[in-house]
Protein backbone atom coordinates (compact mmCIF):
# COMPACT_ATOMS: atom_id res chain seq x y z
CA UNK A 1 -1.41 -3.20 25.56
CA UNK A 2 0.99 -2.89 22.54
CA UNK A 3 -0.09 -4.90 19.56
CA UNK A 4 2.65 -7.87 18.60
CA UNK A 5 4.82 -7.17 15.60
CA UNK A 6 3.35 -9.10 12.53
CA UNK A 7 6.18 -8.85 10.11
CA UNK A 8 9.84 -9.79 9.50
CA UNK A 9 12.25 -6.52 9.13
CA UNK A 10 14.33 -8.29 6.35
CA UNK A 11 11.18 -9.66 4.58
CA UNK A 12 12.39 -9.15 1.04
CA UNK A 13 8.77 -8.00 -0.04
CA UNK A 14 9.03 -5.20 2.42
CA UNK A 15 12.69 -4.25 1.75
CA UNK A 16 11.66 -3.65 -1.96
CA UNK A 17 8.19 -1.90 -0.93
CA UNK A 18 10.15 0.40 1.26
CA UNK A 19 12.40 1.60 -1.71
CA UNK A 20 9.33 2.41 -3.74
CA UNK A 21 7.13 3.83 -0.66
CA UNK A 22 10.07 5.95 0.80
CA UNK A 23 10.82 7.66 -2.43
CA UNK A 24 7.91 9.78 -2.34
CA UNK A 25 8.18 13.40 -0.85
CA UNK A 26 8.48 13.42 2.76
CA UNK A 27 7.65 9.78 3.18
CA UNK A 28 8.56 7.95 6.35
CA UNK A 29 8.01 4.51 7.87
CA UNK A 30 5.89 4.06 11.14
CA UNK A 31 4.91 0.93 12.84
CA UNK A 32 1.55 0.98 13.94
CA UNK A 33 -1.00 -1.77 15.32
CA UNK A 34 1.80 -4.21 14.98
CA UNK A 35 2.65 -3.41 10.99
CA UNK A 36 5.00 -0.91 8.91
CA UNK A 37 2.94 2.10 7.41
CA UNK A 38 3.65 4.55 5.22
CA UNK A 39 2.82 8.10 5.68
CA UNK A 40 3.45 11.88 4.35
CA UNK A 41 1.37 13.70 7.00
CA UNK A 42 -1.18 10.64 6.81
CA UNK A 43 -0.96 7.31 5.88
CA UNK A 44 -0.95 6.38 2.13
CA UNK A 45 0.14 2.82 2.68
CA UNK A 46 0.12 -0.34 5.02
CA UNK A 47 1.94 -3.57 4.61
CA UNK A 48 0.17 -6.59 5.61
CA UNK A 49 -3.42 -6.97 6.58
CA UNK A 50 -6.19 -9.67 6.91
CA UNK A 51 -9.80 -9.52 5.66
CA UNK A 52 -12.57 -9.05 8.54
CA UNK A 53 -14.39 -12.18 10.12
CA UNK A 54 -14.37 -14.67 12.74
CA UNK A 55 -10.70 -16.41 13.55
CA UNK A 56 -11.86 -19.08 11.54
CA UNK A 57 -12.85 -16.91 8.28
CA UNK A 58 -10.57 -14.46 7.98
CA UNK A 59 -7.55 -14.52 5.71
CA UNK A 60 -4.16 -13.19 6.67
CA UNK A 61 -2.14 -11.56 3.86
CA UNK A 62 1.50 -11.04 5.51
CA UNK A 63 3.01 -9.67 2.16
CA UNK A 64 0.31 -7.43 0.92
CA UNK A 65 0.40 -3.66 0.29
CA UNK A 66 -2.86 -1.68 1.55
CA UNK A 67 -3.54 1.45 -0.39
CA UNK A 68 -6.27 4.10 -1.02
CA UNK A 69 -7.26 3.88 -4.68
CA UNK A 70 -9.19 6.56 -6.70
CA UNK A 71 -12.79 5.99 -6.61
CA UNK A 72 -12.89 5.48 -10.39
CA UNK A 73 -10.39 2.68 -10.07
CA UNK A 74 -12.09 0.75 -7.05
CA UNK A 75 -14.38 -1.33 -8.77
CA UNK A 76 -11.85 -2.70 -11.36
CA UNK A 77 -9.31 -3.53 -8.96
CA UNK A 78 -11.90 -5.44 -6.75
CA UNK A 79 -12.66 -7.70 -9.76
CA UNK A 80 -8.84 -8.71 -9.70
CA UNK A 81 -8.38 -11.74 -7.55
CA UNK A 82 -5.28 -10.67 -6.33
CA UNK A 83 -7.03 -7.77 -4.21
CA UNK A 84 -9.11 -8.10 -1.16
CA UNK A 85 -11.02 -5.79 1.53
CA UNK A 86 -8.72 -5.29 4.34
CA UNK A 87 -10.41 -5.44 7.67
CA UNK A 88 -11.21 -2.06 9.15
CA UNK A 89 -9.80 -0.21 6.50
CA UNK A 90 -12.08 -1.23 3.57
CA UNK A 91 -15.23 0.68 4.77
CA UNK A 92 -13.06 3.92 4.29
CA UNK A 93 -11.96 2.91 0.79
CA UNK A 94 -8.87 1.42 1.16
CA UNK A 95 -8.20 -1.88 -0.53
CA UNK A 96 -5.46 -4.49 -0.16
CA UNK A 97 -3.39 -6.47 -3.11
CA UNK A 98 -1.84 -9.89 -2.11
CA UNK A 99 1.95 -9.36 -3.48
CA UNK A 100 2.47 -12.97 -3.18
CA UNK A 101 -0.69 -14.03 -4.86
CA UNK A 102 -0.45 -17.36 -6.69
CA UNK A 103 2.40 -18.75 -4.18
CA UNK A 104 5.00 -16.83 -5.42
CA UNK A 105 7.90 -16.63 -3.04
CA UNK A 106 9.93 -13.98 -4.90
CA UNK A 107 9.48 -10.35 -4.85
CA UNK A 108 11.02 -10.17 -8.68
CA UNK A 109 7.76 -11.64 -9.73
CA UNK A 110 5.99 -8.70 -8.45
CA UNK A 111 5.25 -6.09 -10.85
CA UNK A 112 6.75 -3.28 -9.13
CA UNK A 113 5.80 -0.57 -11.48
CA UNK A 114 2.07 -1.40 -10.78
CA UNK A 115 3.12 -1.19 -7.10
CA UNK A 116 4.42 2.27 -7.73
CA UNK A 117 1.38 3.29 -9.65
CA UNK A 118 -0.73 2.05 -6.73
CA UNK A 119 1.10 4.13 -3.91
CA UNK A 120 1.32 7.19 -6.16
CA UNK A 121 -2.66 7.07 -6.36
CA UNK A 122 -2.76 6.34 -2.84
CA UNK A 123 -0.25 9.22 -1.75
CA UNK A 124 -2.34 11.69 -3.90
CA UNK A 125 -5.21 10.99 -1.89
CA UNK A 126 -3.66 12.11 1.39
CA UNK A 127 -0.71 14.37 0.39
CA UNK A 128 -1.16 18.24 0.75
CA UNK A 129 -0.84 20.65 -1.86
CA UNK A 130 2.97 21.27 -1.34
CA UNK A 131 3.86 17.74 -1.40
CA UNK A 132 1.71 17.29 -4.53
CA UNK A 133 3.53 20.24 -6.10
CA UNK A 134 6.87 18.42 -5.18
CA UNK A 135 5.88 15.24 -6.51
CA UNK A 136 4.39 16.52 -9.93
CA UNK A 137 7.54 18.91 -10.21
CA UNK A 138 10.20 16.10 -9.13
CA UNK A 139 8.18 13.02 -10.25
CA UNK A 140 7.97 9.98 -8.36
CA UNK A 141 8.75 6.05 -8.32
CA UNK A 142 5.87 5.57 -10.66
CA UNK A 143 7.40 8.06 -13.12
CA UNK A 144 6.15 11.16 -14.75
CA UNK A 145 2.46 12.35 -14.39
CA UNK A 146 0.01 14.54 -15.16
CA UNK A 147 -1.58 16.49 -12.34
CA UNK A 148 -5.04 15.75 -11.67
CA UNK A 149 -7.93 18.24 -11.93
């Protein structure tokens, strides 16, 4: 059975997120499990998610970004109330940020530079050597960065 679609294609948060995520080398969007995912060979981000738990306990975040943070940043991010542990992905190190935290309904209120930096870190976790070389050479949505290592 196919998963139901759990997003609106014209969601203004998703529209803006697409602009940032698809600016990474070879990034593409693919729908899986009813949600848009962004990949460059492997997935580096998802839009929307839930927490794990029973139907009464889990929280659905329709306007969330799920990324794979650097190990050194994970603990600090987890202390920020906007972040949550996404169902199924958290055990593999993924973390979600509620882009509509605080009840905002305007994507202009989102710190898109922070989003670009989260995406950049996540992309670097999964991108291959050639894609990383392109990102380091051409720059990306998060701006210039120093190659890690």
